[in-house]
Amino acid sequence: MSLLTIRDAATGAETFHTQDAAKMAEALAPIGVRFERWPVAPLPEGAEADAVLAAYRPQLDAFLRESKAGTADVIRLTADHPQKDAIRAKFLSEHIHTEDEVRFFHEGAGNFVMHVDGKIYDAHCTRGDLISVPANTKHWFDAGEIPHVTALRVFTDTTGWTPHYTGSDIAARIPVSVG
């Protein structure tokens, strides 16, 4: 189940907690984060990337037109991936991107954790969730020690996805929420 937990960045004290998608969207909107739920396509577990893209084409095309993004692809990270630990580690430190980071979770879950204006916004995203983190927003992502994620990635320019690390240790100090 989707979950949003907001904490004070200095103390880690929880100030907000909800599993309601509408309340999540409402709480994230003031920091420019888009959150919404899409119907999940009835595909078999582990469906090929082309099938996943085709299943979401109507929603995806509308999103691409609205956001003026250029294209989308599918990324899959599972527990049996030989580089899962290195991939996880790459995104566990606080960083920014020069392009919006947009993900739609077809399978599995992961946490997008944003650090904005002295607050930590921990969005535990699950199957059916779309999240768009604005460019230059300090954040990190955790798919967990045993990852299981199949997600659509939406982008205009993939070079905008290069992580630019802040050097902060905040991601190590603030635990992520799980649904």
Protein backbone atom coordinates (compact mmCIF):
# COMPACT_ATOMS: atom_id res chain seq x y z
CA MET A 1 0.00 0.00 0.00
CA SER A 2 1.20 3.52 -0.82
CA LEU A 3 2.33 5.61 2.12
CA LEU A 4 3.55 9.15 2.73
CA THR A 5 5.43 10.03 5.89
CA ILE A 6 6.67 13.57 6.51
CA ARG A 7 9.38 14.15 9.10
CA ASP A 8 11.31 17.10 10.47
CA ALA A 9 14.74 16.88 8.83
CA ALA A 10 16.59 18.03 11.95
CA THR A 11 14.96 15.71 14.48
CA GLY A 12 13.44 12.93 12.37
CA ALA A 13 10.15 13.44 14.24
CA GLU A 14 7.11 12.38 12.23
CA THR A 15 4.68 15.21 11.46
CA PHE A 16 2.35 13.58 8.89
CA HIS A 17 1.43 10.04 7.89
CA THR A 18 -1.18 8.78 5.40
CA GLN A 19 -2.00 5.88 3.10
CA ASP A 20 -4.72 7.86 1.33
CA ALA A 21 -3.61 8.60 -2.26
CA ALA A 22 -5.58 11.86 -2.48
CA LYS A 23 -4.05 13.13 0.77
CA MET A 24 -0.61 12.07 -0.46
CA ALA A 25 -1.07 14.07 -3.66
CA GLU A 26 -2.34 17.06 -1.68
CA ALA A 27 0.64 16.99 0.72
CA LEU A 28 3.21 16.62 -2.08
CA ALA A 29 1.77 19.25 -4.44
CA PRO A 30 3.15 22.29 -2.54
CA ILE A 31 6.71 21.04 -3.13
CA GLY A 32 5.99 20.47 -6.84
CA VAL A 33 5.80 16.67 -6.63
CA ARG A 34 3.06 15.08 -8.72
CA PHE A 35 1.52 11.92 -7.27
CA GLU A 36 -1.37 9.98 -8.74
CA ARG A 37 -2.75 6.49 -9.13
CA TRP A 38 -3.23 4.83 -12.52
CA PRO A 39 -5.19 1.65 -13.17
CA VAL A 40 -2.83 -1.33 -13.29
CA ALA A 41 -2.69 -3.23 -16.57
CA PRO A 42 -3.61 -6.93 -16.37
CA LEU A 43 -0.24 -8.31 -17.48
CA PRO A 44 1.48 -11.48 -16.29
CA GLU A 45 4.24 -11.09 -13.69
CA GLY A 46 7.52 -10.18 -15.38
CA ALA A 47 5.91 -9.14 -18.67
CA GLU A 48 8.33 -7.94 -21.36
CA ALA A 49 9.10 -4.21 -21.53
CA ASP A 50 7.31 -3.75 -24.86
CA ALA A 51 4.14 -5.28 -23.43
CA VAL A 52 4.31 -3.02 -20.36
CA LEU A 53 4.75 0.09 -22.52
CA ALA A 54 1.91 -0.95 -24.84
CA ALA A 55 -0.45 -1.62 -21.92
CA TYR A 56 -0.01 1.91 -20.55
CA ARG A 57 0.18 3.68 -23.91
CA PRO A 58 -3.06 5.74 -23.53
CA GLN A 59 -2.12 7.12 -20.07
CA LEU A 60 1.51 7.47 -21.10
CA ASP A 61 0.74 9.40 -24.29
CA ALA A 62 -1.50 11.80 -22.36
CA PHE A 63 1.21 12.29 -19.73
CA LEU A 64 3.89 12.87 -22.39
CA ARG A 65 1.74 15.50 -24.11
CA GLU A 66 0.94 17.26 -20.86
CA SER A 67 4.48 17.20 -19.43
CA LYS A 68 6.19 17.77 -22.79
CA ALA A 69 8.50 14.86 -22.00
CA GLY A 70 9.92 13.03 -24.98
CA THR A 71 9.71 9.32 -24.36
CA ALA A 72 9.50 6.46 -21.87
CA ASP A 73 11.10 3.12 -21.21
CA VAL A 74 10.82 0.31 -18.68
CA ILE A 75 13.29 -0.51 -15.95
CA ARG A 76 13.25 -3.70 -13.92
CA LEU A 77 15.25 -4.43 -10.77
CA THR A 78 14.80 -7.74 -8.99
CA ALA A 79 16.55 -9.63 -6.22
CA ASP A 80 18.36 -11.87 -8.72
CA HIS A 81 19.92 -8.96 -10.65
CA PRO A 82 23.72 -9.42 -10.47
CA GLN A 83 24.32 -5.69 -9.84
CA LYS A 84 21.35 -5.02 -7.54
CA ASP A 85 23.51 -3.89 -4.61
CA ALA A 86 25.57 -1.48 -6.72
CA ILE A 87 22.43 -0.08 -8.37
CA ARG A 88 20.76 0.40 -4.99
CA ALA A 89 23.84 2.08 -3.50
CA LYS A 90 24.02 4.56 -6.40
CA PHE A 91 20.71 6.14 -5.42
CA LEU A 92 20.80 5.83 -1.60
CA SER A 93 22.71 9.10 -1.12
CA GLU A 94 20.98 12.45 -1.40
CA HIS A 95 21.27 13.88 -4.92
CA ILE A 96 19.52 15.99 -7.53
CA HIS A 97 18.87 15.59 -11.25
CA THR A 98 18.66 18.36 -13.85
CA GLU A 99 15.47 16.80 -15.23
CA ASP A 100 12.24 15.73 -13.54
CA GLU A 101 12.39 12.14 -12.31
CA VAL A 102 9.16 10.42 -13.29
CA ARG A 103 8.30 6.83 -12.40
CA PHE A 104 5.15 4.73 -12.73
CA PHE A 105 5.25 1.53 -10.70
CA HIS A 106 3.80 -1.37 -12.67
CA GLU A 107 5.15 -4.00 -10.24
CA GLY A 108 6.79 -3.83 -6.85
CA ALA A 109 7.61 -0.83 -4.69
CA GLY A 110 10.23 1.71 -3.71
CA ASN A 111 10.70 4.89 -1.70
CA PHE A 112 11.29 8.32 -3.15
CA VAL A 113 12.49 10.46 -0.27
CA MET A 114 12.61 14.23 -0.85
CA HIS A 115 14.44 16.75 1.35
CA VAL A 116 12.73 20.12 0.98
CA ASP A 117 12.61 23.17 3.28
CA GLY A 118 13.69 21.33 6.42
CA LYS A 119 11.28 18.45 5.90
CA ILE A 120 11.66 14.87 4.68
CA TYR A 121 8.85 13.64 2.41
CA ASP A 122 9.07 9.84 2.23
CA ALA A 123 6.76 8.51 -0.49
CA HIS A 124 6.54 4.71 -0.42
CA CYS A 125 5.28 4.04 -3.95
CA THR A 126 3.64 0.78 -4.93
CA ARG A 127 1.96 -0.84 -7.91
CA GLY A 128 -0.19 1.75 -9.71
CA ASP A 129 1.59 4.85 -8.35
CA LEU A 130 2.97 7.61 -10.55
CA ILE A 131 5.39 10.07 -8.98
CA SER A 132 7.16 13.01 -10.61
CA VAL A 133 9.96 14.61 -8.61
CA PRO A 134 10.87 18.05 -10.02
CA ALA A 135 14.36 18.75 -11.35
CA ASN A 136 16.85 19.99 -8.73
CA THR A 137 14.86 18.54 -5.80
CA LYS A 138 17.15 16.93 -3.22
CA HIS A 139 16.13 13.30 -2.88
CA TRP A 140 17.18 9.66 -2.75
CA PHE A 141 15.54 6.40 -3.78
CA ASP A 142 15.49 3.01 -2.09
CA ALA A 143 14.12 -0.14 -3.72
CA GLY A 144 15.04 -2.13 -0.60
CA GLU A 145 17.54 -4.87 0.13
CA ILE A 146 15.45 -7.35 -1.85
CA PRO A 147 14.27 -5.19 -4.75
CA HIS A 148 11.24 -5.98 -6.87
CA VAL A 149 10.42 -3.08 -9.19
CA THR A 150 9.16 -2.79 -12.74
CA ALA A 151 8.61 0.86 -13.58
CA LEU A 152 8.03 3.15 -16.51
CA ARG A 153 10.61 5.95 -16.69
CA VAL A 154 9.56 9.12 -18.48
CA PHE A 155 12.18 11.53 -19.78
CA THR A 156 13.15 14.17 -22.28
CA ASP A 157 16.93 13.82 -22.06
CA THR A 158 18.54 10.89 -20.25
CA THR A 159 21.61 12.97 -19.40
CA GLY A 160 19.32 14.82 -16.99
CA TRP A 161 19.20 11.63 -14.90
CA THR A 162 22.85 11.84 -13.92
CA PRO A 163 22.84 12.09 -10.12
CA HIS A 164 24.58 15.14 -8.68
CA TYR A 165 25.32 14.25 -5.05
CA THR A 166 24.88 16.87 -2.32
CA GLY A 167 27.46 15.36 0.05
CA SER A 168 24.90 15.26 2.87
CA ASP A 169 24.62 12.20 5.12
CA ILE A 170 20.90 12.80 5.73
CA ALA A 171 19.82 9.70 3.80
CA ALA A 172 21.80 7.53 6.22
CA ARG A 173 20.24 9.26 9.24
CA ILE A 174 16.56 9.15 8.21
CA PRO A 175 14.96 5.69 7.85
CA VAL A 176 12.56 5.03 4.98
CA SER A 177 8.97 4.01 5.62
CA VAL A 178 7.54 0.75 4.40
CA GLY A 179 3.90 0.15 3.66
